[in-house]
Amino acid sequence: MKDLTLRTQKLETSAFLKPEQGLYISVMPSAASVRNLEPVINVLHSFGVSYTGMPNLHVTVLYSSTSVSDLDQLYKTAEIDPTNIYIANVDKFEYWAGHKNQGVLVLKLNSPQLEKVHYKLRKEGYKVNFPDYQAHMTFVDDLHDQGFNEKRSKQLVKILNGQLSGVLNKLELTGMKAESVS
């Protein structure tokens, strides 16, 4: 059965992967976790913040410019299965300046399961830009464009962490997929 599952996965996801291009692997919140995230979205809306959007909420497992040379080996190593459930413990919301100083609101997560996949792939030779893996879900990637400077952004983070403390403890993540990046 596992053999059939692997072959099916390869057929379903191989269209997203092209040999000799970089690799991006991600997971997204399960339906149950989406319901648990509604209070966060309501708080953001109450402050007039437009968030990333439910279809776009995801957690990056690996982003690497290293070329994918062997698709079969990649699937075997990462154990990519869109039906697997990964558990992530919720840490806290944080403000990050972002690569272009655009202001980013992220929910930091701790997930030994995702870390295992990430570091397993790095051991296989996939190189990353950031040495330490930090699982996180980006809620807003343009706070500054929405009128939130760094100080105001950090106030929003403080409110989110205060209001949602203890309400949101764990998330289920699923739908692992691998895509090519150039």
N, C-alpha and C. Protein backbone atom coordinates (compact mmCIF):
# COMPACT_ATOMS: atom_id res chain seq x y z
N MET A 1 0.82 -1.20 0.00
CA MET A 1 0.00 0.00 0.00
C MET A 1 0.87 1.26 0.00
N LYS A 2 1.94 1.25 0.81
CA LYS A 2 2.85 2.40 0.87
C LYS A 2 3.44 2.67 -0.51
N ASP A 3 3.77 1.59 -1.23
CA ASP A 3 4.32 1.71 -2.58
C ASP A 3 3.33 2.40 -3.51
N LEU A 4 2.07 2.00 -3.43
CA LEU A 4 1.03 2.60 -4.25
C LEU A 4 0.84 4.06 -3.88
N THR A 5 0.86 4.35 -2.58
CA THR A 5 0.72 5.72 -2.12
C THR A 5 1.84 6.59 -2.67
N LEU A 6 3.07 6.11 -2.62
CA LEU A 6 4.20 6.88 -3.13
C LEU A 6 4.07 7.14 -4.63
N ARG A 7 3.66 6.11 -5.37
CA ARG A 7 3.49 6.30 -6.82
C ARG A 7 2.38 7.30 -7.11
N THR A 8 1.29 7.24 -6.36
CA THR A 8 0.17 8.16 -6.54
C THR A 8 0.61 9.58 -6.23
N GLN A 9 1.33 9.75 -5.13
CA GLN A 9 1.82 11.08 -4.77
C GLN A 9 2.70 11.64 -5.87
N LYS A 10 3.57 10.81 -6.39
CA LYS A 10 4.48 11.27 -7.43
C LYS A 10 3.68 11.77 -8.64
N LEU A 11 2.65 11.02 -9.01
CA LEU A 11 1.83 11.43 -10.14
C LEU A 11 1.07 12.72 -9.84
N GLU A 12 0.58 12.85 -8.60
CA GLU A 12 -0.20 14.03 -8.25
C GLU A 12 0.64 15.28 -8.09
N THR A 13 1.85 15.14 -7.60
CA THR A 13 2.64 16.33 -7.29
C THR A 13 3.80 16.59 -8.23
N SER A 14 4.13 15.63 -9.08
CA SER A 14 5.31 15.82 -9.91
C SER A 14 5.15 16.98 -10.89
N ALA A 15 3.92 17.36 -11.23
CA ALA A 15 3.72 18.49 -12.13
C ALA A 15 4.25 19.78 -11.52
N PHE A 16 4.35 19.84 -10.19
CA PHE A 16 4.84 21.04 -9.52
C PHE A 16 6.37 21.09 -9.51
N LEU A 17 7.02 19.97 -9.79
CA LEU A 17 8.47 19.87 -9.68
C LEU A 17 9.12 19.72 -11.05
N LYS A 18 10.19 20.44 -11.23
CA LYS A 18 10.96 20.32 -12.46
C LYS A 18 12.41 20.07 -12.06
N PRO A 19 13.00 19.01 -12.62
CA PRO A 19 14.42 18.75 -12.32
C PRO A 19 15.27 19.96 -12.68
N GLU A 20 16.36 20.12 -11.97
CA GLU A 20 17.33 21.20 -12.19
C GLU A 20 16.81 22.57 -11.77
N GLN A 21 15.74 22.62 -10.99
CA GLN A 21 15.29 23.87 -10.39
C GLN A 21 15.31 23.71 -8.88
N GLY A 22 15.22 24.83 -8.17
CA GLY A 22 15.24 24.81 -6.72
C GLY A 22 13.98 24.16 -6.16
N LEU A 23 13.92 24.09 -4.84
CA LEU A 23 12.86 23.32 -4.18
C LEU A 23 12.18 24.14 -3.09
N TYR A 24 10.85 24.09 -3.08
CA TYR A 24 10.06 24.73 -2.04
C TYR A 24 9.06 23.70 -1.53
N ILE A 25 9.09 23.41 -0.23
CA ILE A 25 8.16 22.45 0.37
C ILE A 25 7.38 23.19 1.46
N SER A 26 6.06 22.98 1.47
CA SER A 26 5.22 23.66 2.45
C SER A 26 4.06 22.77 2.88
N VAL A 27 3.44 23.17 3.99
CA VAL A 27 2.21 22.55 4.50
C VAL A 27 1.24 23.67 4.83
N MET A 28 -0.03 23.33 4.99
CA MET A 28 -1.03 24.34 5.31
C MET A 28 -1.89 23.87 6.48
N PRO A 29 -2.61 24.80 7.11
CA PRO A 29 -3.44 24.39 8.24
C PRO A 29 -4.58 23.48 7.80
N SER A 30 -4.88 22.48 8.63
CA SER A 30 -6.02 21.61 8.36
C SER A 30 -7.31 22.40 8.55
N ALA A 31 -8.43 21.81 8.16
CA ALA A 31 -9.73 22.47 8.31
C ALA A 31 -10.00 22.81 9.78
N ALA A 32 -9.65 21.90 10.68
CA ALA A 32 -9.86 22.15 12.11
C ALA A 32 -9.01 23.34 12.58
N SER A 33 -7.79 23.42 12.10
CA SER A 33 -6.92 24.53 12.49
C SER A 33 -7.38 25.85 11.90
N VAL A 34 -7.95 25.81 10.71
CA VAL A 34 -8.49 27.03 10.10
C VAL A 34 -9.57 27.60 11.02
N ARG A 35 -10.43 26.74 11.55
CA ARG A 35 -11.47 27.21 12.48
C ARG A 35 -10.83 27.80 13.74
N ASN A 36 -9.75 27.20 14.21
CA ASN A 36 -9.07 27.71 15.40
C ASN A 36 -8.38 29.05 15.14
N LEU A 37 -8.09 29.36 13.90
CA LEU A 37 -7.43 30.61 13.55
C LEU A 37 -8.40 31.78 13.36
N GLU A 38 -9.70 31.50 13.34
CA GLU A 38 -10.68 32.56 13.12
C GLU A 38 -10.56 33.72 14.11
N PRO A 39 -10.31 33.49 15.42
CA PRO A 39 -10.15 34.63 16.32
C PRO A 39 -9.00 35.56 15.92
N VAL A 40 -7.93 34.99 15.39
CA VAL A 40 -6.79 35.80 14.94
C VAL A 40 -7.24 36.70 13.80
N ILE A 41 -7.94 36.12 12.85
CA ILE A 41 -8.40 36.87 11.68
C ILE A 41 -9.38 37.95 12.10
N ASN A 42 -10.25 37.64 13.07
CA ASN A 42 -11.19 38.65 13.57
C ASN A 42 -10.47 39.82 14.21
N VAL A 43 -9.42 39.55 15.00
CA VAL A 43 -8.64 40.63 15.61
C VAL A 43 -7.99 41.48 14.52
N LEU A 44 -7.41 40.83 13.52
CA LEU A 44 -6.78 41.58 12.43
C LEU A 44 -7.79 42.48 11.73
N HIS A 45 -8.95 41.92 11.44
CA HIS A 45 -10.00 42.70 10.78
C HIS A 45 -10.44 43.88 11.64
N SER A 46 -10.52 43.68 12.95
CA SER A 46 -10.95 44.77 13.84
C SER A 46 -9.95 45.94 13.82
N PHE A 47 -8.70 45.67 13.45
CA PHE A 47 -7.70 46.72 13.32
C PHE A 47 -7.56 47.22 11.88
N GLY A 48 -8.42 46.73 11.01
CA GLY A 48 -8.39 47.15 9.61
C GLY A 48 -7.23 46.56 8.82
N VAL A 49 -6.71 45.44 9.29
CA VAL A 49 -5.58 44.81 8.62
C VAL A 49 -6.09 43.75 7.65
N SER A 50 -5.57 43.80 6.45
CA SER A 50 -5.87 42.78 5.46
C SER A 50 -4.80 41.70 5.57
N TYR A 51 -5.21 40.48 5.85
CA TYR A 51 -4.24 39.40 6.06
C TYR A 51 -4.01 38.62 4.76
N THR A 52 -3.06 37.71 4.79
CA THR A 52 -2.63 36.96 3.62
C THR A 52 -3.78 36.24 2.92
N GLY A 53 -4.72 35.73 3.67
CA GLY A 53 -5.85 35.02 3.09
C GLY A 53 -5.74 33.52 3.33
N MET A 54 -6.87 32.90 3.64
CA MET A 54 -6.88 31.50 4.01
C MET A 54 -6.22 30.58 2.99
N PRO A 55 -6.47 30.73 1.70
CA PRO A 55 -5.83 29.79 0.78
C PRO A 55 -4.30 29.94 0.77
N ASN A 56 -3.80 31.07 1.23
CA ASN A 56 -2.36 31.33 1.18
C ASN A 56 -1.66 31.06 2.50
N LEU A 57 -2.40 30.81 3.58
CA LEU A 57 -1.75 30.52 4.85
C LEU A 57 -1.02 29.19 4.73
N HIS A 58 0.25 29.20 5.07
CA HIS A 58 1.07 27.99 4.95
C HIS A 58 2.28 28.10 5.86
N VAL A 59 2.96 27.00 6.02
CA VAL A 59 4.22 26.96 6.76
C VAL A 59 5.26 26.39 5.81
N THR A 60 6.34 27.14 5.64
CA THR A 60 7.44 26.67 4.81
C THR A 60 8.21 25.58 5.55
N VAL A 61 8.46 24.49 4.88
CA VAL A 61 9.27 23.40 5.44
C VAL A 61 10.70 23.55 4.94
N LEU A 62 10.85 23.89 3.65
CA LEU A 62 12.19 24.08 3.08
C LEU A 62 12.09 24.99 1.87
N TYR A 63 13.00 25.94 1.78
CA TYR A 63 13.16 26.78 0.59
C TYR A 63 14.63 26.72 0.23
N SER A 64 14.94 26.14 -0.93
CA SER A 64 16.32 25.94 -1.31
C SER A 64 16.50 26.23 -2.79
N SER A 65 17.59 26.88 -3.11
CA SER A 65 17.91 27.11 -4.52
C SER A 65 18.68 25.93 -5.11
N THR A 66 18.98 24.92 -4.29
CA THR A 66 19.68 23.73 -4.76
C THR A 66 18.79 22.99 -5.77
N SER A 67 19.37 22.62 -6.89
CA SER A 67 18.61 21.94 -7.94
C SER A 67 18.15 20.56 -7.48
N VAL A 68 16.95 20.21 -7.88
CA VAL A 68 16.42 18.87 -7.63
C VAL A 68 16.92 17.99 -8.77
N SER A 69 17.77 17.03 -8.47
CA SER A 69 18.34 16.19 -9.53
C SER A 69 17.66 14.83 -9.60
N ASP A 70 17.10 14.35 -8.49
CA ASP A 70 16.50 13.02 -8.46
C ASP A 70 15.16 13.10 -7.73
N LEU A 71 14.08 13.16 -8.50
CA LEU A 71 12.75 13.30 -7.91
C LEU A 71 12.40 12.11 -7.02
N ASP A 72 12.74 10.91 -7.46
CA ASP A 72 12.42 9.73 -6.64
C ASP A 72 13.10 9.80 -5.28
N GLN A 73 14.36 10.20 -5.27
CA GLN A 73 15.09 10.32 -4.01
C GLN A 73 14.49 11.41 -3.13
N LEU A 74 14.09 12.51 -3.74
CA LEU A 74 13.46 13.60 -2.99
C LEU A 74 12.21 13.09 -2.28
N TYR A 75 11.33 12.41 -3.00
CA TYR A 75 10.10 11.91 -2.40
C TYR A 75 10.37 10.93 -1.27
N LYS A 76 11.38 10.09 -1.48
CA LYS A 76 11.75 9.11 -0.46
C LYS A 76 12.30 9.80 0.79
N THR A 77 13.20 10.74 0.60
CA THR A 77 13.85 11.43 1.71
C THR A 77 12.85 12.26 2.51
N ALA A 78 12.06 13.06 1.82
CA ALA A 78 11.13 13.96 2.50
C ALA A 78 9.86 13.25 2.97
N GLU A 79 9.64 12.05 2.46
CA GLU A 79 8.41 11.33 2.76
C GLU A 79 7.20 12.23 2.49
N ILE A 80 7.21 12.86 1.34
CA ILE A 80 6.14 13.79 0.98
C ILE A 80 4.85 13.02 0.79
N ASP A 81 3.90 13.34 1.62
CA ASP A 81 2.58 12.71 1.57
C ASP A 81 1.57 13.79 1.93
N PRO A 82 0.75 14.22 0.96
CA PRO A 82 -0.19 15.30 1.23
C PRO A 82 -1.25 14.96 2.28
N THR A 83 -1.35 13.69 2.67
CA THR A 83 -2.35 13.32 3.67
C THR A 83 -1.79 13.28 5.10
N ASN A 84 -0.47 13.37 5.25
CA ASN A 84 0.11 13.35 6.59
C ASN A 84 -0.32 14.58 7.40
N ILE A 85 -0.47 14.38 8.70
CA ILE A 85 -0.78 15.47 9.63
C ILE A 85 0.48 15.75 10.44
N TYR A 86 0.87 17.00 10.49
CA TYR A 86 2.01 17.44 11.29
C TYR A 86 1.48 18.36 12.38
N ILE A 87 1.93 18.15 13.59
CA ILE A 87 1.49 18.97 14.71
C ILE A 87 2.52 20.06 14.96
N ALA A 88 2.02 21.27 15.17
CA ALA A 88 2.90 22.40 15.50
C ALA A 88 2.37 23.06 16.76
N ASN A 89 3.24 23.25 17.72
CA ASN A 89 2.87 23.99 18.93
C ASN A 89 3.01 25.47 18.64
N VAL A 90 2.00 26.23 19.05
CA VAL A 90 2.01 27.67 18.82
C VAL A 90 2.92 28.32 19.85
N ASP A 91 3.84 29.13 19.37
CA ASP A 91 4.74 29.86 20.26
C ASP A 91 4.16 31.25 20.53
N LYS A 92 4.27 32.14 19.55
CA LYS A 92 3.75 33.51 19.72
C LYS A 92 3.78 34.23 18.38
N PHE A 93 3.07 35.36 18.35
CA PHE A 93 3.14 36.23 17.18
C PHE A 93 4.37 37.11 17.31
N GLU A 94 4.97 37.44 16.16
CA GLU A 94 6.11 38.35 16.13
C GLU A 94 6.01 39.27 14.93
N TYR A 95 6.61 40.42 15.08
CA TYR A 95 6.80 41.35 13.97
C TYR A 95 8.21 41.13 13.43
N TRP A 96 8.33 40.95 12.12
CA TRP A 96 9.62 40.87 11.46
C TRP A 96 9.68 42.00 10.45
N ALA A 97 10.82 42.64 10.32
CA ALA A 97 10.97 43.73 9.36
C ALA A 97 10.73 43.25 7.93
N GLY A 98 11.18 42.04 7.62
CA GLY A 98 11.02 41.49 6.27
C GLY A 98 12.23 41.78 5.41
N HIS A 99 12.33 41.07 4.29
CA HIS A 99 13.48 41.20 3.40
C HIS A 99 13.57 42.59 2.78
N LYS A 100 12.43 43.21 2.58
CA LYS A 100 12.39 44.54 1.94
C LYS A 100 11.86 45.59 2.90
N ASN A 101 11.98 45.32 4.20
CA ASN A 101 11.48 46.21 5.25
C ASN A 101 10.00 46.56 5.02
N GLN A 102 9.22 45.54 4.67
CA GLN A 102 7.81 45.76 4.39
C GLN A 102 6.92 45.53 5.60
N GLY A 103 7.46 44.95 6.67
CA GLY A 103 6.67 44.67 7.87
C GLY A 103 5.89 43.38 7.72
N VAL A 104 6.23 42.38 8.52
CA VAL A 104 5.62 41.06 8.41
C VAL A 104 5.11 40.62 9.77
N LEU A 105 3.89 40.08 9.81
CA LEU A 105 3.31 39.52 11.03
C LEU A 105 3.33 38.00 10.88
N VAL A 106 4.06 37.33 11.78
CA VAL A 106 4.16 35.87 11.70
C VAL A 106 3.73 35.24 13.02
N LEU A 107 3.25 34.02 12.92
CA LEU A 107 2.95 33.19 14.08
C LEU A 107 4.06 32.16 14.15
N LYS A 108 4.93 32.28 15.17
CA LYS A 108 6.03 31.33 15.33
C LYS A 108 5.49 30.01 15.86
N LEU A 109 6.01 28.92 15.31
CA LEU A 109 5.56 27.58 15.66
C LEU A 109 6.77 26.71 16.01
N ASN A 110 6.52 25.68 16.79
CA ASN A 110 7.52 24.66 17.08
C ASN A 110 6.96 23.33 16.63
N SER A 111 7.67 22.67 15.72
CA SER A 111 7.21 21.39 15.21
C SER A 111 8.40 20.46 14.97
N PRO A 112 8.67 19.56 15.91
CA PRO A 112 9.74 18.60 15.69
C PRO A 112 9.56 17.78 14.41
N GLN A 113 8.31 17.52 14.03
CA GLN A 113 8.06 16.75 12.81
C GLN A 113 8.53 17.51 11.57
N LEU A 114 8.20 18.79 11.50
CA LEU A 114 8.62 19.59 10.34
C LEU A 114 10.13 19.83 10.37
N GLU A 115 10.67 20.03 11.55
CA GLU A 115 12.12 20.19 11.68
C GLU A 115 12.85 18.95 11.15
N LYS A 116 12.30 17.78 11.46
CA LYS A 116 12.92 16.53 11.00
C LYS A 116 12.98 16.48 9.48
N VAL A 117 11.88 16.83 8.81
CA VAL A 117 11.85 16.84 7.34
C VAL A 117 12.86 17.86 6.82
N HIS A 118 12.84 19.06 7.41
CA HIS A 118 13.73 20.14 6.98
C HIS A 118 15.20 19.72 7.06
N TYR A 119 15.60 19.24 8.23
CA TYR A 119 17.02 18.91 8.42
C TYR A 119 17.43 17.65 7.66
N LYS A 120 16.49 16.76 7.43
CA LYS A 120 16.77 15.56 6.63
C LYS A 120 17.12 15.98 5.20
N LEU A 121 16.37 16.92 4.66
CA LEU A 121 16.64 17.41 3.31
C LEU A 121 17.95 18.19 3.25
N ARG A 122 18.24 18.94 4.28
CA ARG A 122 19.52 19.67 4.30
C ARG A 122 20.69 18.70 4.34
N LYS A 123 20.50 17.60 5.06
CA LYS A 123 21.54 16.57 5.12
C LYS A 123 21.74 15.94 3.73
N GLU A 124 20.69 15.91 2.93
CA GLU A 124 20.77 15.38 1.56
C GLU A 124 21.42 16.37 0.60
N GLY A 125 21.73 17.58 1.09
CA GLY A 125 22.45 18.54 0.25
C GLY A 125 21.67 19.77 -0.17
N TYR A 126 20.43 19.88 0.24
CA TYR A 126 19.66 21.07 -0.11
C TYR A 126 20.12 22.21 0.79
N LYS A 127 20.64 23.26 0.17
CA LYS A 127 21.18 24.40 0.91
C LYS A 127 20.10 25.46 1.09
N VAL A 128 20.14 26.15 2.24
CA VAL A 128 19.15 27.19 2.56
C VAL A 128 19.89 28.48 2.91
N ASN A 129 19.16 29.59 2.85
CA ASN A 129 19.76 30.89 3.16
C ASN A 129 19.85 31.18 4.64
N PHE A 130 18.98 30.57 5.43
CA PHE A 130 18.96 30.83 6.87
C PHE A 130 19.40 29.56 7.59
N PRO A 131 20.42 29.66 8.43
CA PRO A 131 20.98 28.45 9.05
C PRO A 131 20.04 27.75 10.04
N ASP A 132 19.20 28.49 10.71
CA ASP A 132 18.30 27.89 11.70
C ASP A 132 16.88 27.88 11.16
N TYR A 133 16.27 26.71 11.20
CA TYR A 133 14.88 26.60 10.74
C TYR A 133 13.94 27.11 11.82
N GLN A 134 13.04 28.00 11.46
CA GLN A 134 12.01 28.49 12.37
C GLN A 134 10.66 28.35 11.67
N ALA A 135 9.91 27.32 12.05
CA ALA A 135 8.58 27.14 11.47
C ALA A 135 7.74 28.36 11.85
N HIS A 136 7.05 28.91 10.87
CA HIS A 136 6.18 30.06 11.12
C HIS A 136 5.12 30.15 10.02
N MET A 137 4.03 30.83 10.37
CA MET A 137 2.95 31.07 9.43
C MET A 137 2.85 32.58 9.25
N THR A 138 2.99 33.05 8.02
CA THR A 138 2.90 34.48 7.75
C THR A 138 1.43 34.87 7.59
N PHE A 139 0.99 35.81 8.44
CA PHE A 139 -0.38 36.30 8.35
C PHE A 139 -0.48 37.57 7.52
N VAL A 140 0.51 38.44 7.66
CA VAL A 140 0.51 39.69 6.90
C VAL A 140 1.93 39.93 6.44
N ASP A 141 2.10 40.20 5.14
CA ASP A 141 3.45 40.44 4.64
C ASP A 141 3.66 41.86 4.12
N ASP A 142 2.72 42.76 4.46
CA ASP A 142 2.86 44.15 4.02
C ASP A 142 2.27 45.13 5.04
N LEU A 143 2.63 44.94 6.29
CA LEU A 143 2.10 45.81 7.35
C LEU A 143 2.38 47.29 7.08
N HIS A 144 3.57 47.61 6.60
CA HIS A 144 3.92 49.01 6.38
C HIS A 144 3.06 49.64 5.31
N ASP A 145 2.71 48.88 4.27
CA ASP A 145 1.82 49.40 3.23
C ASP A 145 0.41 49.64 3.76
N GLN A 146 0.08 48.97 4.87
CA GLN A 146 -1.25 49.12 5.46
C GLN A 146 -1.26 50.15 6.60
N GLY A 147 -0.22 50.97 6.66
CA GLY A 147 -0.17 52.06 7.63
C GLY A 147 0.37 51.68 9.01
N PHE A 148 0.98 50.52 9.12
CA PHE A 148 1.55 50.07 10.40
C PHE A 148 3.07 50.22 10.35
N ASN A 149 3.59 51.23 11.05
CA ASN A 149 5.04 51.34 11.16
C ASN A 149 5.51 50.28 12.17
N GLU A 150 6.79 50.24 12.46
CA GLU A 150 7.32 49.21 13.36
C GLU A 150 6.68 49.29 14.74
N LYS A 151 6.56 50.50 15.27
CA LYS A 151 5.99 50.67 16.63
C LYS A 151 4.54 50.19 16.68
N ARG A 152 3.75 50.61 15.72
CA ARG A 152 2.33 50.20 15.69
C ARG A 152 2.20 48.69 15.44
N SER A 153 3.08 48.14 14.62
CA SER A 153 3.07 46.71 14.35
C SER A 153 3.34 45.91 15.62
N LYS A 154 4.31 46.36 16.39
CA LYS A 154 4.64 45.68 17.64
C LYS A 154 3.51 45.80 18.66
N GLN A 155 2.77 46.90 18.62
CA GLN A 155 1.60 47.03 19.50
C GLN A 155 0.53 46.01 19.10
N LEU A 156 0.34 45.82 17.81
CA LEU A 156 -0.62 44.82 17.31
C LEU A 156 -0.20 43.42 17.76
N VAL A 157 1.08 43.13 17.68
CA VAL A 157 1.61 41.83 18.12
C VAL A 157 1.32 41.62 19.61
N LYS A 158 1.54 42.65 20.39
CA LYS A 158 1.30 42.56 21.84
C LYS A 158 -0.18 42.27 22.12
N ILE A 159 -1.05 42.92 21.41
CA ILE A 159 -2.50 42.69 21.58
C ILE A 159 -2.86 41.27 21.17
N LEU A 160 -2.36 40.83 20.03
CA LEU A 160 -2.64 39.46 19.57
C LEU A 160 -2.16 38.44 20.58
N ASN A 161 -0.94 38.59 21.06
CA ASN A 161 -0.40 37.64 22.03
C ASN A 161 -1.17 37.67 23.34
N GLY A 162 -1.62 38.85 23.76
CA GLY A 162 -2.38 38.96 25.00
C GLY A 162 -3.77 38.36 24.90
N GLN A 163 -4.48 38.69 23.83
CA GLN A 163 -5.86 38.22 23.67
C GLN A 163 -5.95 36.74 23.34
N LEU A 164 -4.94 36.23 22.68
CA LEU A 164 -5.03 34.85 22.21
C LEU A 164 -4.18 33.89 23.02
N SER A 165 -3.56 34.39 24.07
CA SER A 165 -2.74 33.53 24.92
C SER A 165 -3.59 32.41 25.52
N GLY A 166 -3.16 31.19 25.31
CA GLY A 166 -3.88 30.04 25.85
C GLY A 166 -5.06 29.58 25.01
N VAL A 167 -5.52 30.41 24.08
CA VAL A 167 -6.65 30.05 23.23
C VAL A 167 -6.17 29.18 22.06
N LEU A 168 -5.02 29.50 21.56
CA LEU A 168 -4.47 28.83 20.40
C LEU A 168 -3.18 28.14 20.80
N ASN A 169 -3.23 26.84 21.03
CA ASN A 169 -2.06 26.11 21.52
C ASN A 169 -1.36 25.27 20.46
N LYS A 170 -2.15 24.59 19.63
CA LYS A 170 -1.60 23.69 18.62
C LYS A 170 -2.30 23.89 17.30
N LEU A 171 -1.58 23.59 16.25
CA LEU A 171 -2.17 23.59 14.91
C LEU A 171 -1.86 22.25 14.25
N GLU A 172 -2.81 21.78 13.48
CA GLU A 172 -2.58 20.62 12.61
C GLU A 172 -2.24 21.18 11.23
N LEU A 173 -1.19 20.67 10.65
CA LEU A 173 -0.77 21.10 9.32
C LEU A 173 -0.76 19.88 8.41
N THR A 174 -1.18 20.08 7.18
CA THR A 174 -1.30 18.97 6.24
C THR A 174 -1.09 19.47 4.81
N GLY A 175 -1.30 18.60 3.85
CA GLY A 175 -1.21 18.99 2.45
C GLY A 175 0.21 19.29 2.00
N MET A 176 1.19 18.54 2.52
CA MET A 176 2.58 18.81 2.14
C MET A 176 2.72 18.71 0.63
N LYS A 177 3.36 19.73 0.07
CA LYS A 177 3.61 19.69 -1.37
C LYS A 177 5.00 20.24 -1.65
N ALA A 178 5.56 19.78 -2.73
CA ALA A 178 6.87 20.22 -3.19
C ALA A 178 6.68 20.92 -4.52
N GLU A 179 7.31 22.08 -4.65
CA GLU A 179 7.22 22.87 -5.87
C GLU A 179 8.60 23.31 -6.31
N SER A 180 8.74 23.59 -7.57
CA SER A 180 10.01 24.11 -8.10
C SER A 180 10.07 25.61 -7.91
N VAL A 181 11.27 26.11 -7.66
CA VAL A 181 11.51 27.54 -7.63
C VAL A 181 12.71 27.80 -8.53
N SER A 182 12.68 28.94 -9.20
CA SER A 182 13.81 29.24 -10.09
C SER A 182 14.69 30.29 -9.48
